[in-house]
C-alpha atoms as a PDB file:
ATOM      1  CA  MET A   1       0.000   0.000   0.000  1.00  0.00           C
ATOM      2  CA  ARG A   2       1.215   3.434  -0.888  1.00  0.00           C
ATOM      3  CA  LYS A   3       1.125   6.376   1.464  1.00  0.00           C
ATOM      4  CA  LYS A   4       0.384   9.871   0.324  1.00  0.00           C
ATOM      5  CA  PHE A   5       2.416  12.756   1.680  1.00  0.00           C
ATOM      6  CA  THR A   6       1.062  16.226   1.897  1.00  0.00           C
ATOM      7  CA  MET A   7       3.122  19.353   1.997  1.00  0.00           C
ATOM      8  CA  ALA A   8       2.085  20.020   5.590  1.00  0.00           C
ATOM      9  CA  ALA A   9       3.406  16.615   6.525  1.00  0.00           C
ATOM     10  CA  VAL A  10       6.737  17.351   4.832  1.00  0.00           C
ATOM     11  CA  VAL A  11       7.074  20.731   6.608  1.00  0.00           C
ATOM     12  CA  ALA A  12       6.190  19.181   9.928  1.00  0.00           C
ATOM     13  CA  GLY A  13       8.613  16.356   9.296  1.00  0.00           C
ATOM     14  CA  LEU A  14      11.495  18.750   8.646  1.00  0.00           C
ATOM     15  CA  GLY A  15      10.852  20.694  11.810  1.00  0.00           C
ATOM     16  CA  LEU A  16       9.968  23.840   9.943  1.00  0.00           C
ATOM     17  CA  SER A  17       7.394  26.218  11.174  1.00  0.00           C
ATOM     18  CA  THR A  18       5.381  28.815   9.433  1.00  0.00           C
ATOM     19  CA  VAL A  19       6.476  32.460   9.638  1.00  0.00           C
ATOM     20  CA  THR A  20       4.014  35.187  10.294  1.00  0.00           C
ATOM     21  CA  ALA A  21       4.284  38.470   8.317  1.00  0.00           C
ATOM     22  CA  PRO A  22       5.032  41.804  10.115  1.00  0.00           C
ATOM     23  CA  PRO A  23       2.174  44.208  10.592  1.00  0.00           C
ATOM     24  CA  ALA A  24       1.202  46.074   7.430  1.00  0.00           C
ATOM     25  CA  THR A  25       1.967  49.531   8.934  1.00  0.00           C
ATOM     26  CA  ALA A  26       4.880  50.651  11.124  1.00  0.00           C
ATOM     27  CA  ALA A  27       4.984  53.792  13.285  1.00  0.00           C
ATOM     28  CA  SER A  28       7.456  56.625  12.688  1.00  0.00           C
ATOM     29  CA  ASP A  29       8.013  60.121  14.036  1.00  0.00           C
ATOM     30  CA  ASP A  30      10.026  62.792  12.134  1.00  0.00           C
ATOM     31  CA  THR A  31      12.092  65.487  13.874  1.00  0.00           C
ATOM     32  CA  ILE A  32      12.756  68.747  12.058  1.00  0.00           C
ATOM     33  CA  VAL A  33      16.249  70.029  12.894  1.00  0.00           C
ATOM     34  CA  THR A  34      17.337  73.647  12.329  1.00  0.00           C
ATOM     35  CA  PHE A  35      20.417  75.739  12.974  1.00  0.00           C
ATOM     36  CA  THR A  36      21.460  79.341  12.315  1.00  0.00           C
ATOM     37  CA  ILE A  37      24.612  80.871  10.885  1.00  0.00           C
ATOM     38  CA  ASP A  38      24.745  84.406  12.238  1.00  0.00           C
ATOM     39  CA  SER A  39      25.724  87.308  10.042  1.00  0.00           C
ATOM     40  CA  GLY A  40      28.834  89.230  11.083  1.00  0.00           C
ATOM     41  CA  ASP A  41      30.200  92.683  10.309  1.00  0.00           C
ATOM     42  CA  LEU A  42      31.644  94.426   7.286  1.00  0.00           C
ATOM     43  CA  THR A  43      34.764  96.314   8.442  1.00  0.00           C
ATOM     44  CA  ILE A  44      37.726  98.220   7.029  1.00  0.00           C
ATOM     45  CA  ASN A  45      41.121  98.674   8.673  1.00  0.00           C
ATOM     46  CA  ALA A  46      43.880 101.073   7.610  1.00  0.00           C
ATOM     47  CA  PRO A  47      47.144 102.157   9.245  1.00  0.00           C
ATOM     48  CA  ASP A  48      46.749 104.614  12.121  1.00  0.00           C
ATOM     49  CA  SER A  49      49.480 106.867  10.754  1.00  0.00           C
ATOM     50  CA  VAL A  50      51.876 107.079   7.829  1.00  0.00           C
ATOM     51  CA  ASP A  51      54.986 109.236   7.371  1.00  0.00           C
ATOM     52  CA  LEU A  52      55.654 109.831   3.679  1.00  0.00           C
ATOM     53  CA  GLY A  53      59.091 111.264   4.514  1.00  0.00           C
ATOM     54  CA  SER A  54      60.433 114.669   3.520  1.00  0.00           C
ATOM     55  CA  VAL A  55      61.295 116.588   0.359  1.00  0.00           C
ATOM     56  CA  ALA A  56      63.267 119.757  -0.415  1.00  0.00           C
ATOM     57  CA  SER A  57      61.420 123.084  -0.382  1.00  0.00           C
ATOM     58  CA  ASP A  58      61.499 123.236  -4.195  1.00  0.00           C
ATOM     59  CA  ALA A  59      59.896 119.763  -4.648  1.00  0.00           C
ATOM     60  CA  THR A  60      56.689 119.584  -6.639  1.00  0.00           C
ATOM     61  CA  SER A  61      55.319 116.419  -4.999  1.00  0.00           C
ATOM     62  CA  ILE A  62      55.797 113.676  -2.450  1.00  0.00           C
ATOM     63  CA  SER A  63      54.583 110.109  -2.830  1.00  0.00           C
ATOM     64  CA  GLY A  64      54.636 106.832  -0.947  1.00  0.00           C
ATOM     65  CA  PRO A  65      52.714 103.752   0.134  1.00  0.00           C
ATOM     66  CA  MET A  66      50.136 104.129   2.889  1.00  0.00           C
ATOM     67  CA  GLY A  67      50.451 100.564   4.158  1.00  0.00           C
ATOM     68  CA  PRO A  68      47.908  97.740   4.007  1.00  0.00           C
ATOM     69  CA  VAL A  69      44.196  98.514   3.926  1.00  0.00           C
ATOM     70  CA  THR A  70      41.906  95.518   4.526  1.00  0.00           C
ATOM     71  CA  VAL A  71      38.171  94.995   4.085  1.00  0.00           C
ATOM     72  CA  THR A  72      36.868  92.042   6.105  1.00  0.00           C
ATOM     73  CA  ASP A  73      33.369  90.837   5.249  1.00  0.00           C
ATOM     74  CA  LYS A  74      31.868  88.421   7.798  1.00  0.00           C
ATOM     75  CA  ARG A  75      28.260  88.898   6.624  1.00  0.00           C
ATOM     76  CA  GLY A  76      28.055  85.448   4.990  1.00  0.00           C
ATOM     77  CA  VAL A  77      26.393  86.850   1.872  1.00  0.00           C
ATOM     78  CA  LEU A  78      25.159  85.175  -1.304  1.00  0.00           C
ATOM     79  CA  ASN A  79      25.875  87.218  -4.458  1.00  0.00           C
ATOM     80  CA  GLY A  80      26.861  90.145  -2.241  1.00  0.00           C
ATOM     81  CA  SER A  81      29.043  93.166  -2.836  1.00  0.00           C
ATOM     82  CA  TRP A  82      30.879  95.964  -1.067  1.00  0.00           C
ATOM     83  CA  THR A  83      32.578  99.180  -2.136  1.00  0.00           C
ATOM     84  CA  ALA A  84      35.476 100.776  -0.257  1.00  0.00           C
ATOM     85  CA  THR A  85      36.128 104.505  -0.715  1.00  0.00           C
ATOM     86  CA  ALA A  86      38.862 106.962   0.254  1.00  0.00           C
ATOM     87  CA  ILE A  87      38.686 110.729   0.868  1.00  0.00           C
ATOM     88  CA  SER A  88      41.278 113.203   2.133  1.00  0.00           C
ATOM     89  CA  THR A  89      41.271 116.408   4.145  1.00  0.00           C
ATOM     90  CA  ASP A  90      43.549 119.327   3.361  1.00  0.00           C
ATOM     91  CA  PHE A  91      47.138 118.991   4.643  1.00  0.00           C
ATOM     92  CA  THR A  92      48.211 121.829   6.918  1.00  0.00           C
ATOM     93  CA  THR A  93      51.081 123.052   9.050  1.00  0.00           C
ATOM     94  CA  GLY A  94      51.375 125.925  11.523  1.00  0.00           C
ATOM     95  CA  ALA A  95      48.236 128.087  11.610  1.00  0.00           C
ATOM     96  CA  ALA A  96      46.837 126.574   8.361  1.00  0.00           C
ATOM     97  CA  THR A  97      47.001 129.868   6.466  1.00  0.00           C
ATOM     98  CA  PRO A  98      46.942 129.533   2.653  1.00  0.00           C
ATOM     99  CA  PRO A  99      50.776 129.266   2.427  1.00  0.00           C
ATOM    100  CA  GLU A 100      50.572 126.577   5.165  1.00  0.00           C
ATOM    101  CA  THR A 101      47.913 124.478   3.396  1.00  0.00           C
ATOM    102  CA  VAL A 102      48.039 121.878   0.637  1.00  0.00           C
ATOM    103  CA  PRO A 103      44.412 121.499  -0.497  1.00  0.00           C
ATOM    104  CA  ASN A 104      42.917 118.008  -0.813  1.00  0.00           C
ATOM    105  CA  ILE A 105      42.437 118.677  -4.545  1.00  0.00           C
ATOM    106  CA  ASN A 106      46.209 118.003  -4.679  1.00  0.00           C
ATOM    107  CA  VAL A 107      45.958 114.516  -3.114  1.00  0.00           C
ATOM    108  CA  THR A 108      45.884 111.505  -5.461  1.00  0.00           C
ATOM    109  CA  TYR A 109      45.144 107.932  -4.372  1.00  0.00           C
ATOM    110  CA  THR A 110      46.271 104.883  -6.357  1.00  0.00           C
ATOM    111  CA  PRO A 111      44.962 101.622  -4.870  1.00  0.00           C
ATOM    112  CA  GLY A 112      47.104  99.137  -6.825  1.00  0.00           C
ATOM    113  CA  ALA A 113      46.300  95.448  -7.097  1.00  0.00           C
ATOM    114  CA  ALA A 114      45.151  93.285  -4.215  1.00  0.00           C
ATOM    115  CA  THR A 115      48.028  91.981  -2.127  1.00  0.00           C
ATOM    116  CA  ALA A 116      45.803  89.295  -0.549  1.00  0.00           C
ATOM    117  CA  THR A 117      42.228  88.035  -0.814  1.00  0.00           C
ATOM    118  CA  THR A 118      40.178  85.328   0.888  1.00  0.00           C
ATOM    119  CA  GLY A 119      36.836  83.766   0.069  1.00  0.00           C
ATOM    120  CA  THR A 120      34.867  83.584  -3.128  1.00  0.00           C
ATOM    121  CA  GLY A 121      34.274  86.696  -5.219  1.00  0.00           C
ATOM    122  CA  THR A 122      35.776  89.209  -7.603  1.00  0.00           C
ATOM    123  CA  PHE A 123      38.037  91.856  -6.032  1.00  0.00           C
ATOM    124  CA  THR A 124      38.798  94.899  -8.178  1.00  0.00           C
ATOM    125  CA  PRO A 125      40.886  98.023  -7.499  1.00  0.00           C
ATOM    126  CA  GLY A 126      39.200 101.347  -8.115  1.00  0.00           C
ATOM    127  CA  PRO A 127      40.475 103.711 -10.798  1.00  0.00           C
ATOM    128  CA  GLY A 128      42.254 105.952  -8.313  1.00  0.00           C
ATOM    129  CA  GLY A 129      42.305 109.686  -8.631  1.00  0.00           C
ATOM    130  CA  ILE A 130      42.050 112.887  -6.651  1.00  0.00           C
ATOM    131  CA  ILE A 131      40.397 112.197  -3.291  1.00  0.00           C
ATOM    132  CA  ASN A 132      38.889 115.574  -2.473  1.00  0.00           C
ATOM    133  CA  VAL A 133      35.577 113.667  -2.646  1.00  0.00           C
ATOM    134  CA  PRO A 134      35.015 109.964  -1.874  1.00  0.00           C
ATOM    135  CA  ARG A 135      36.583 107.845  -4.639  1.00  0.00           C
ATOM    136  CA  VAL A 136      36.270 104.108  -5.130  1.00  0.00           C
ATOM    137  CA  ALA A 137      39.348 102.444  -3.664  1.00  0.00           C
ATOM    138  CA  PHE A 138      38.333  98.778  -4.073  1.00  0.00           C
ATOM    139  CA  THR A 139      35.250  96.658  -4.730  1.00  0.00           C
ATOM    140  CA  GLY A 140      34.167  93.131  -3.945  1.00  0.00           C
ATOM    141  CA  THR A 141      31.445  91.657  -6.171  1.00  0.00           C
ATOM    142  CA  ASP A 142      29.807  88.251  -6.734  1.00  0.00           C
ATOM    143  CA  LEU A 143      30.628  87.456  -3.116  1.00  0.00           C
ATOM    144  CA  VAL A 144      29.666  84.146  -1.505  1.00  0.00           C
ATOM    145  CA  GLY A 145      30.209  83.652   2.234  1.00  0.00           C
ATOM    146  CA  ASP A 146      32.931  85.419   4.199  1.00  0.00           C
ATOM    147  CA  ASN A 147      35.681  87.217   2.282  1.00  0.00           C
ATOM    148  CA  SER A 148      38.434  89.827   2.556  1.00  0.00           C
ATOM    149  CA  ALA A 149      40.710  91.914   0.375  1.00  0.00           C
ATOM    150  CA  THR A 150      43.932  93.771   1.207  1.00  0.00           C
ATOM    151  CA  TRP A 151      45.734  96.393  -0.882  1.00  0.00           C
ATOM    152  CA  ASN A 152      48.591  98.854  -0.314  1.00  0.00           C
ATOM    153  CA  PRO A 153      47.605 102.220  -1.849  1.00  0.00           C
ATOM    154  CA  THR A 154      50.045 104.904  -2.932  1.00  0.00           C
ATOM    155  CA  LEU A 155      49.360 108.494  -1.945  1.00  0.00           C
ATOM    156  CA  THR A 156      50.769 111.299  -4.093  1.00  0.00           C
ATOM    157  CA  ILE A 157      50.570 114.889  -2.906  1.00  0.00           C
ATOM    158  CA  THR A 158      51.272 117.643  -5.400  1.00  0.00           C
ATOM    159  CA  ILE A 159      52.829 120.596  -3.591  1.00  0.00           C
ATOM    160  CA  PRO A 160      51.652 123.984  -4.918  1.00  0.00           C
ATOM    161  CA  ASP A 161      54.133 126.833  -5.321  1.00  0.00           C
ATOM    162  CA  GLY A 162      54.547 129.160  -2.368  1.00  0.00           C
ATOM    163  CA  ARG A 163      54.124 126.611   0.436  1.00  0.00           C
ATOM    164  CA  VAL A 164      56.198 127.137   3.566  1.00  0.00           C
ATOM    165  CA  ALA A 165      58.476 124.605   5.248  1.00  0.00           C
ATOM    166  CA  GLY A 166      56.905 122.540   8.019  1.00  0.00           C
ATOM    167  CA  THR A 167      55.374 119.180   8.855  1.00  0.00           C
ATOM    168  CA  TYR A 168      52.037 118.929   7.068  1.00  0.00           C
ATOM    169  CA  THR A 169      49.282 116.764   8.503  1.00  0.00           C
ATOM    170  CA  GLY A 170      46.042 115.581   6.930  1.00  0.00           C
ATOM    171  CA  THR A 171      43.680 112.646   7.200  1.00  0.00           C
ATOM    172  CA  VAL A 172      42.750 110.011   4.630  1.00  0.00           C
ATOM    173  CA  THR A 173      39.521 108.260   5.601  1.00  0.00           C
ATOM    174  CA  HIS A 174      38.612 104.827   4.246  1.00  0.00           C
ATOM    175  CA  SER A 175      34.983 103.661   4.389  1.00  0.00           C
ATOM    176  CA  VAL A 176      33.186 100.531   3.221  1.00  0.00           C
ATOM    177  CA  GLY A 177      29.551  99.831   2.557  1.00  0.00           C
END
């Protein structure tokens, strides 16, 4: 006589058991995470003082480097820009009478190329020129994130006829915005 085997009998004979499926839905809980990058400052730093030296009383001009000027941009911008400018006062000695004054119309600023830059962007020297009014010294454009630019401008002062001997003092102001 022949015996018939069913599949259940084979599974039971092999010691196998049936597996139950996991539940059709599982629980989950999302957490939204945020953080902030704070915006910093846009600053400009220039030397506190510069001595261009001395010239003879018959000289027509004096010229020299002012030292490093640096714009530091910690604003963390996207497609940002800044423009640095320079302006000068008159240079005077003694009582600042006309023969003791070199007017700021005689002061020329030449920014020169960048001596150092950091970050992403385009850094361009201004055209230079007479700084009796604010003139573009340097620009930063297409800026992404933090950046900086440093340059070493040359100041040239044309000395008008009839100026007296003495130590002349004036102020060059750099601004950035």
